[in-house]
C-alpha atoms as a PDB file:
ATOM      1  CA  ASP A   1     178.569 -98.069-165.644  1.00  0.00           C
ATOM      2  CA  LYS A   2     175.873 -94.974-165.865  1.00  0.00           C
ATOM      3  CA  LEU A   3     175.266 -93.920-162.514  1.00  0.00           C
ATOM      4  CA  SER A   4     172.930 -90.291-160.902  1.00  0.00           C
ATOM      5  CA  ILE A   5     174.666 -88.171-159.400  1.00  0.00           C
ATOM      6  CA  LEU A   6     173.441 -85.920-156.306  1.00  0.00           C
ATOM      7  CA  PRO A   7     175.847 -83.660-154.380  1.00  0.00           C
ATOM      8  CA  VAL A   8     176.267 -83.806-150.284  1.00  0.00           C
ATOM      9  CA  HIS A   9     177.140 -80.556-148.353  1.00  0.00           C
ATOM     10  CA  GLY A  10     178.806 -81.145-144.985  1.00  0.00           C
ATOM     11  CA  ARG A  11     180.634 -84.175-145.142  1.00  0.00           C
ATOM     12  CA  PRO A  12     181.407 -87.224-147.717  1.00  0.00           C
ATOM     13  CA  PHE A  13     179.795 -90.515-147.495  1.00  0.00           C
ATOM     14  CA  PHE A  14     181.923 -93.389-147.019  1.00  0.00           C
ATOM     15  CA  PRO A  15     181.361 -97.628-148.179  1.00  0.00           C
ATOM     16  CA  ALA A  16     180.318 -98.945-144.776  1.00  0.00           C
ATOM     17  CA  GLN A  17     178.601 -95.925-143.383  1.00  0.00           C
ATOM     18  CA  ILE A  18     174.804 -96.282-143.162  1.00  0.00           C
ATOM     19  CA  GLN A  19     172.967 -93.021-142.260  1.00  0.00           C
ATOM     20  CA  PRO A  20     170.551 -90.062-143.547  1.00  0.00           C
ATOM     21  CA  PHE A  21     171.483 -87.191-145.933  1.00  0.00           C
ATOM     22  CA  MET A  22     169.377 -84.350-147.368  1.00  0.00           C
ATOM     23  CA  VAL A  23     168.740 -82.498-150.742  1.00  0.00           C
ATOM     24  CA  GLU A  24     166.774 -79.927-151.813  1.00  0.00           C
ATOM     25  CA  GLN A  25     163.485 -81.445-152.733  1.00  0.00           C
ATOM     26  CA  ASN A  26     162.474 -78.777-155.845  1.00  0.00           C
ATOM     27  CA  ARG A  27     166.457 -79.560-157.224  1.00  0.00           C
ATOM     28  CA  TRP A  28     166.616 -83.067-156.883  1.00  0.00           C
ATOM     29  CA  GLU A  29     163.429 -84.321-156.784  1.00  0.00           C
ATOM     30  CA  ASP A  30     163.717 -85.528-160.463  1.00  0.00           C
ATOM     31  CA  THR A  31     166.877 -87.567-159.795  1.00  0.00           C
ATOM     32  CA  LEU A  32     165.715 -89.812-157.236  1.00  0.00           C
ATOM     33  CA  LYS A  33     162.596 -90.312-158.737  1.00  0.00           C
ATOM     34  CA  ARG A  34     164.446 -91.672-162.172  1.00  0.00           C
ATOM     35  CA  VAL A  35     166.586 -93.713-159.704  1.00  0.00           C
ATOM     36  CA  ALA A  36     163.105 -95.044-158.002  1.00  0.00           C
ATOM     37  CA  LYS A  37     162.678 -96.457-161.566  1.00  0.00           C
ATOM     38  CA  GLU A  38     165.585 -97.974-162.438  1.00  0.00           C
ATOM     39  CA  GLY A  39     164.742-100.443-159.811  1.00  0.00           C
ATOM     40  CA  HIS A  40     168.711-100.533-158.220  1.00  0.00           C
ATOM     41  CA  ASN A  41     168.213 -97.521-156.341  1.00  0.00           C
ATOM     42  CA  CYS A  42     171.536 -96.711-156.394  1.00  0.00           C
ATOM     43  CA  VAL A  43     173.057 -93.413-156.589  1.00  0.00           C
ATOM     44  CA  GLY A  44     176.498 -91.713-156.327  1.00  0.00           C
ATOM     45  CA  LEU A  45     176.718 -88.732-153.639  1.00  0.00           C
ATOM     46  CA  VAL A  46     180.051 -86.831-154.379  1.00  0.00           C
ATOM     47  CA  PHE A  47     180.835 -84.097-152.005  1.00  0.00           C
ATOM     48  CA  VAL A  48     180.892 -80.415-153.000  1.00  0.00           C
ATOM     49  CA  GLY A  49     181.270 -78.313-149.514  1.00  0.00           C
ATOM     50  CA  GLU A  50     179.808 -75.815-148.152  1.00  0.00           C
ATOM     51  CA  LYS A  51     179.966 -74.480-152.060  1.00  0.00           C
ATOM     52  CA  GLU A  52     176.778 -73.181-153.445  1.00  0.00           C
ATOM     53  CA  LEU A  53     177.692 -75.662-156.746  1.00  0.00           C
ATOM     54  CA  ASP A  54     174.482 -77.435-156.813  1.00  0.00           C
ATOM     55  CA  ARG A  55     172.145 -74.726-155.869  1.00  0.00           C
ATOM     56  CA  ALA A  56     173.057 -72.190-159.010  1.00  0.00           C
ATOM     57  CA  ALA A  57     170.419 -72.417-161.923  1.00  0.00           C
ATOM     58  CA  GLU A  58     173.145 -74.015-163.955  1.00  0.00           C
ATOM     59  CA  ILE A  59     174.999 -76.548-162.242  1.00  0.00           C
ATOM     60  CA  ASP A  60     178.653 -76.453-162.293  1.00  0.00           C
ATOM     61  CA  VAL A  61     179.470 -80.112-162.584  1.00  0.00           C
ATOM     62  CA  ASP A  62     182.912 -79.385-163.681  1.00  0.00           C
ATOM     63  CA  GLN A  63     183.760 -78.696-160.095  1.00  0.00           C
ATOM     64  CA  PHE A  64     182.508 -81.648-158.562  1.00  0.00           C
ATOM     65  CA  PRO A  65     185.296 -83.979-157.297  1.00  0.00           C
ATOM     66  CA  LYS A  66     185.954 -86.891-159.472  1.00  0.00           C
ATOM     67  CA  MET A  67     185.614 -89.619-156.440  1.00  0.00           C
ATOM     68  CA  GLY A  68     182.290 -89.762-154.538  1.00  0.00           C
ATOM     69  CA  CYS A  69     180.515 -93.354-152.695  1.00  0.00           C
ATOM     70  CA  VAL A  70     177.981 -95.012-154.287  1.00  0.00           C
ATOM     71  CA  VAL A  71     175.303 -95.439-151.934  1.00  0.00           C
ATOM     72  CA  ARG A  72     172.088 -97.501-151.710  1.00  0.00           C
ATOM     73  CA  LEU A  73     168.917 -95.648-150.868  1.00  0.00           C
ATOM     74  CA  HIS A  74     166.814 -97.439-148.311  1.00  0.00           C
ATOM     75  CA  ASN A  75     163.901 -95.016-147.674  1.00  0.00           C
ATOM     76  CA  VAL A  76     163.360 -91.490-149.222  1.00  0.00           C
ATOM     77  CA  SER A  77     160.877 -89.163-147.493  1.00  0.00           C
ATOM     78  CA  VAL A  78     160.111 -85.554-147.480  1.00  0.00           C
ATOM     79  CA  VAL A  79     160.873 -83.123-144.614  1.00  0.00           C
ATOM     80  CA  GLU A  80     159.645 -79.431-144.977  1.00  0.00           C
ATOM     81  CA  GLU A  81     160.885 -78.377-148.680  1.00  0.00           C
ATOM     82  CA  SER A  82     164.241 -81.035-148.406  1.00  0.00           C
ATOM     83  CA  LEU A  83     164.068 -85.112-149.263  1.00  0.00           C
ATOM     84  CA  GLN A  84     165.796 -87.032-146.402  1.00  0.00           C
ATOM     85  CA  CYS A  85     167.351 -90.167-147.646  1.00  0.00           C
ATOM     86  CA  LEU A  86     168.642 -93.078-145.469  1.00  0.00           C
ATOM     87  CA  ALA A  87     171.327 -94.599-147.596  1.00  0.00           C
ATOM     88  CA  GLN A  88     173.989 -97.515-147.397  1.00  0.00           C
ATOM     89  CA  GLY A  89     177.894 -96.308-148.505  1.00  0.00           C
ATOM     90  CA  ILE A  90     178.660 -99.496-150.611  1.00  0.00           C
ATOM     91  CA  LYS A  91     181.497 -98.471-153.240  1.00  0.00           C
ATOM     92  CA  ARG A  92     184.009 -95.764-154.280  1.00  0.00           C
ATOM     93  CA  PHE A  93     183.528 -94.722-157.795  1.00  0.00           C
ATOM     94  CA  VAL A  94     185.286 -92.651-159.960  1.00  0.00           C
ATOM     95  CA  VAL A  95     183.600 -90.018-163.207  1.00  0.00           C
ATOM     96  CA  ASP A  96     185.194 -90.681-166.062  1.00  0.00           C
ATOM     97  CA  GLU A  97     182.564 -88.811-168.254  1.00  0.00           C
ATOM     98  CA  TRP A  98     179.532 -86.617-167.420  1.00  0.00           C
ATOM     99  CA  VAL A  99     176.685 -88.141-169.717  1.00  0.00           C
ATOM    100  CA  SER A 100     174.416 -85.136-168.751  1.00  0.00           C
ATOM    101  CA  LYS A 101     175.682 -82.182-166.884  1.00  0.00           C
ATOM    102  CA  LYS A 102     172.120 -80.834-166.190  1.00  0.00           C
ATOM    103  CA  ARG A 103     169.809 -82.080-162.968  1.00  0.00           C
ATOM    104  CA  PRO A 104     169.238 -85.382-163.035  1.00  0.00           C
ATOM    105  CA  CYS A 105     172.843 -85.537-163.348  1.00  0.00           C
ATOM    106  CA  LEU A 106     174.175 -88.632-164.864  1.00  0.00           C
ATOM    107  CA  ALA A 107     177.596 -89.946-165.217  1.00  0.00           C
ATOM    108  CA  ARG A 108     179.830 -92.799-166.556  1.00  0.00           C
ATOM    109  CA  VAL A 109     181.733 -94.133-163.783  1.00  0.00           C
ATOM    110  CA  SER A 110     184.305 -96.799-162.746  1.00  0.00           C
ATOM    111  CA  TYR A 111     184.679 -98.525-159.451  1.00  0.00           C
ATOM    112  CA  PRO A 112     188.500 -98.533-158.374  1.00  0.00           C
ATOM    113  CA  SER A 113     189.512-100.851-156.267  1.00  0.00           C
ATOM    114  CA  ASP A 114     191.390-101.067-152.928  1.00  0.00           C
ATOM    115  CA  LYS A 115     194.705-101.467-153.353  1.00  0.00           C
ATOM    116  CA  PRO A 116     195.958-104.558-151.332  1.00  0.00           C
ATOM    117  CA  ALA A 117     198.349-104.445-149.457  1.00  0.00           C
ATOM    118  CA  ILE A 118     201.244-106.845-150.472  1.00  0.00           C
ATOM    119  CA  GLY A 119     204.325-108.534-148.140  1.00  0.00           C
ATOM    120  CA  HIS A 120     206.053-106.696-145.614  1.00  0.00           C
ATOM    121  CA  GLU A 121     203.240-104.138-145.860  1.00  0.00           C
ATOM    122  CA  THR A 122     200.259-107.138-144.718  1.00  0.00           C
ATOM    123  CA  GLU A 123     201.932-106.558-141.118  1.00  0.00           C
ATOM    124  CA  LYS A 124     201.701-102.948-140.866  1.00  0.00           C
ATOM    125  CA  VAL A 125     198.169-102.838-142.028  1.00  0.00           C
ATOM    126  CA  LYS A 126     197.418-105.494-139.125  1.00  0.00           C
ATOM    127  CA  ALA A 127     198.992-103.070-136.902  1.00  0.00           C
ATOM    128  CA  TYR A 128     197.304-100.048-138.155  1.00  0.00           C
ATOM    129  CA  ALA A 129     193.674-101.962-138.171  1.00  0.00           C
ATOM    130  CA  MET A 130     194.165-102.710-134.703  1.00  0.00           C
ATOM    131  CA  ALA A 131     195.208 -98.885-133.682  1.00  0.00           C
ATOM    132  CA  LEU A 132     191.912 -98.059-135.238  1.00  0.00           C
ATOM    133  CA  ILE A 133     190.031-100.593-133.431  1.00  0.00           C
ATOM    134  CA  LYS A 134     191.743 -99.343-130.146  1.00  0.00           C
ATOM    135  CA  ALA A 135     190.950 -95.929-130.742  1.00  0.00           C
ATOM    136  CA  ILE A 136     186.995 -96.495-131.632  1.00  0.00           C
ATOM    137  CA  LYS A 137     187.019 -98.503-128.130  1.00  0.00           C
ATOM    138  CA  GLU A 138     188.631 -95.231-126.448  1.00  0.00           C
ATOM    139  CA  LEU A 139     185.798 -93.084-127.823  1.00  0.00           C
ATOM    140  CA  LEU A 140     183.177 -95.033-126.680  1.00  0.00           C
ATOM    141  CA  PRO A 141     183.626 -93.842-123.079  1.00  0.00           C
ATOM    142  CA  LEU A 142     183.450 -90.409-124.523  1.00  0.00           C
ATOM    143  CA  ASN A 143     179.952 -90.056-125.880  1.00  0.00           C
ATOM    144  CA  PRO A 144     177.193 -93.087-123.792  1.00  0.00           C
ATOM    145  CA  LEU A 145     174.975 -92.363-126.699  1.00  0.00           C
ATOM    146  CA  TYR A 146     176.361 -93.897-129.696  1.00  0.00           C
ATOM    147  CA  THR A 147     178.346 -96.469-127.365  1.00  0.00           C
ATOM    148  CA  GLU A 148     175.291 -99.455-128.140  1.00  0.00           C
ATOM    149  CA  GLU A 149     175.216 -97.900-131.775  1.00  0.00           C
ATOM    150  CA  LEU A 150     179.469 -98.222-131.664  1.00  0.00           C
ATOM    151  CA  LYS A 151     179.398-101.669-130.388  1.00  0.00           C
ATOM    152  CA  GLN A 152     177.475-102.931-132.833  1.00  0.00           C
ATOM    153  CA  TYR A 153     179.319-101.461-135.737  1.00  0.00           C
ATOM    154  CA  LEU A 154     183.154-102.871-134.515  1.00  0.00           C
ATOM    155  CA  SER A 155     181.237-105.877-134.091  1.00  0.00           C
ATOM    156  CA  ARG A 156     181.123-106.052-138.070  1.00  0.00           C
ATOM    157  CA  PHE A 157     184.817-105.133-139.004  1.00  0.00           C
ATOM    158  CA  SER A 158     188.123-106.784-138.012  1.00  0.00           C
ATOM    159  CA  PRO A 159     191.412-106.452-138.715  1.00  0.00           C
ATOM    160  CA  ASN A 160     191.057-109.079-141.319  1.00  0.00           C
ATOM    161  CA  GLU A 161     189.074-106.546-143.517  1.00  0.00           C
ATOM    162  CA  PRO A 162     190.778-103.660-143.098  1.00  0.00           C
ATOM    163  CA  SER A 163     189.433-101.352-145.730  1.00  0.00           C
ATOM    164  CA  PRO A 164     185.704-100.922-143.999  1.00  0.00           C
ATOM    165  CA  LEU A 165     187.089-100.403-140.921  1.00  0.00           C
ATOM    166  CA  THR A 166     189.098 -97.683-142.162  1.00  0.00           C
ATOM    167  CA  ASP A 167     186.146 -96.239-144.315  1.00  0.00           C
ATOM    168  CA  PHE A 168     184.285 -95.963-140.956  1.00  0.00           C
ATOM    169  CA  ALA A 169     186.759 -94.804-138.884  1.00  0.00           C
ATOM    170  CA  ALA A 170     187.279 -91.843-140.608  1.00  0.00           C
ATOM    171  CA  ALA A 171     183.428 -91.423-140.932  1.00  0.00           C
ATOM    172  CA  ILE A 172     182.597 -91.343-137.097  1.00  0.00           C
ATOM    173  CA  THR A 173     185.698 -88.202-136.615  1.00  0.00           C
ATOM    174  CA  THR A 174     184.887 -84.815-136.057  1.00  0.00           C
ATOM    175  CA  ALA A 175     187.236 -84.343-139.381  1.00  0.00           C
ATOM    176  CA  LYS A 176     186.820 -81.199-141.677  1.00  0.00           C
ATOM    177  CA  GLY A 177     184.928 -82.131-144.887  1.00  0.00           C
ATOM    178  CA  GLU A 178     187.826 -81.833-147.127  1.00  0.00           C
ATOM    179  CA  ALA A 179     189.834 -84.006-145.115  1.00  0.00           C
ATOM    180  CA  LEU A 180     187.272 -86.619-145.392  1.00  0.00           C
ATOM    181  CA  GLN A 181     187.734 -86.155-149.066  1.00  0.00           C
ATOM    182  CA  ASP A 182     191.210 -86.553-148.780  1.00  0.00           C
ATOM    183  CA  VAL A 183     190.836 -89.958-147.423  1.00  0.00           C
ATOM    184  CA  LEU A 184     188.122 -91.071-149.606  1.00  0.00           C
ATOM    185  CA  GLU A 185     190.333 -90.340-152.855  1.00  0.00           C
ATOM    186  CA  THR A 186     193.110 -92.742-150.929  1.00  0.00           C
ATOM    187  CA  LEU A 187     193.054 -95.657-152.673  1.00  0.00           C
ATOM    188  CA  PRO A 188     195.813 -97.149-151.503  1.00  0.00           C
ATOM    189  CA  LEU A 189     195.084 -98.759-148.249  1.00  0.00           C
ATOM    190  CA  GLN A 190     198.142 -98.307-145.614  1.00  0.00           C
ATOM    191  CA  ASP A 191     198.528 -94.751-147.183  1.00  0.00           C
ATOM    192  CA  ARG A 192     194.473 -93.760-146.211  1.00  0.00           C
ATOM    193  CA  MET A 193     195.119 -95.883-142.866  1.00  0.00           C
ATOM    194  CA  GLU A 194     197.974 -93.593-141.971  1.00  0.00           C
ATOM    195  CA  LYS A 195     195.749 -90.576-142.334  1.00  0.00           C
ATOM    196  CA  VAL A 196     192.740 -91.614-140.306  1.00  0.00           C
ATOM    197  CA  LEU A 197     195.224 -92.377-137.504  1.00  0.00           C
ATOM    198  CA  ILE A 198     196.175 -88.983-137.541  1.00  0.00           C
ATOM    199  CA  LEU A 199     192.467 -87.130-138.439  1.00  0.00           C
END
């Protein structure tokens, strides 16, 4: 229930996403060393946009969003004065309480469950899932570089598992970070799917 927290810029990280992110070496190396010592290689990523929230001498974690994504780190390498980390998104988390507000930041967290569809909503969710798959397939011809990668990802998702499909669809859009953070923070699945379809 305690998690080391790292801020990320540009876009929030989603469950079901595997990609690199970068942090400043001199500011966040101690946090990553701590995570490596703990053995689970999991860290919480919170989206701070383009704000300088993590670059001041005293960071103000109270301005960090309450919800982020737990990721498992698979590789960390030094690139100039930054650390490039390959991460796999696992699950949303909510910061319940800050244990340490200074680097390395540590928070007591909880893990909200996706709110499943009930009754008549189930059919709607399946319809939304099919619409998301169709929209992703329509993107394939637009960028041939991603065709094989997207086909591989799509083979892992199905309308029967709409939550990771929805998060994946959000992650590959060109939507701005703030809109994506809103999607990340939306737990009712049908509401989240509706937001992703209009991104």
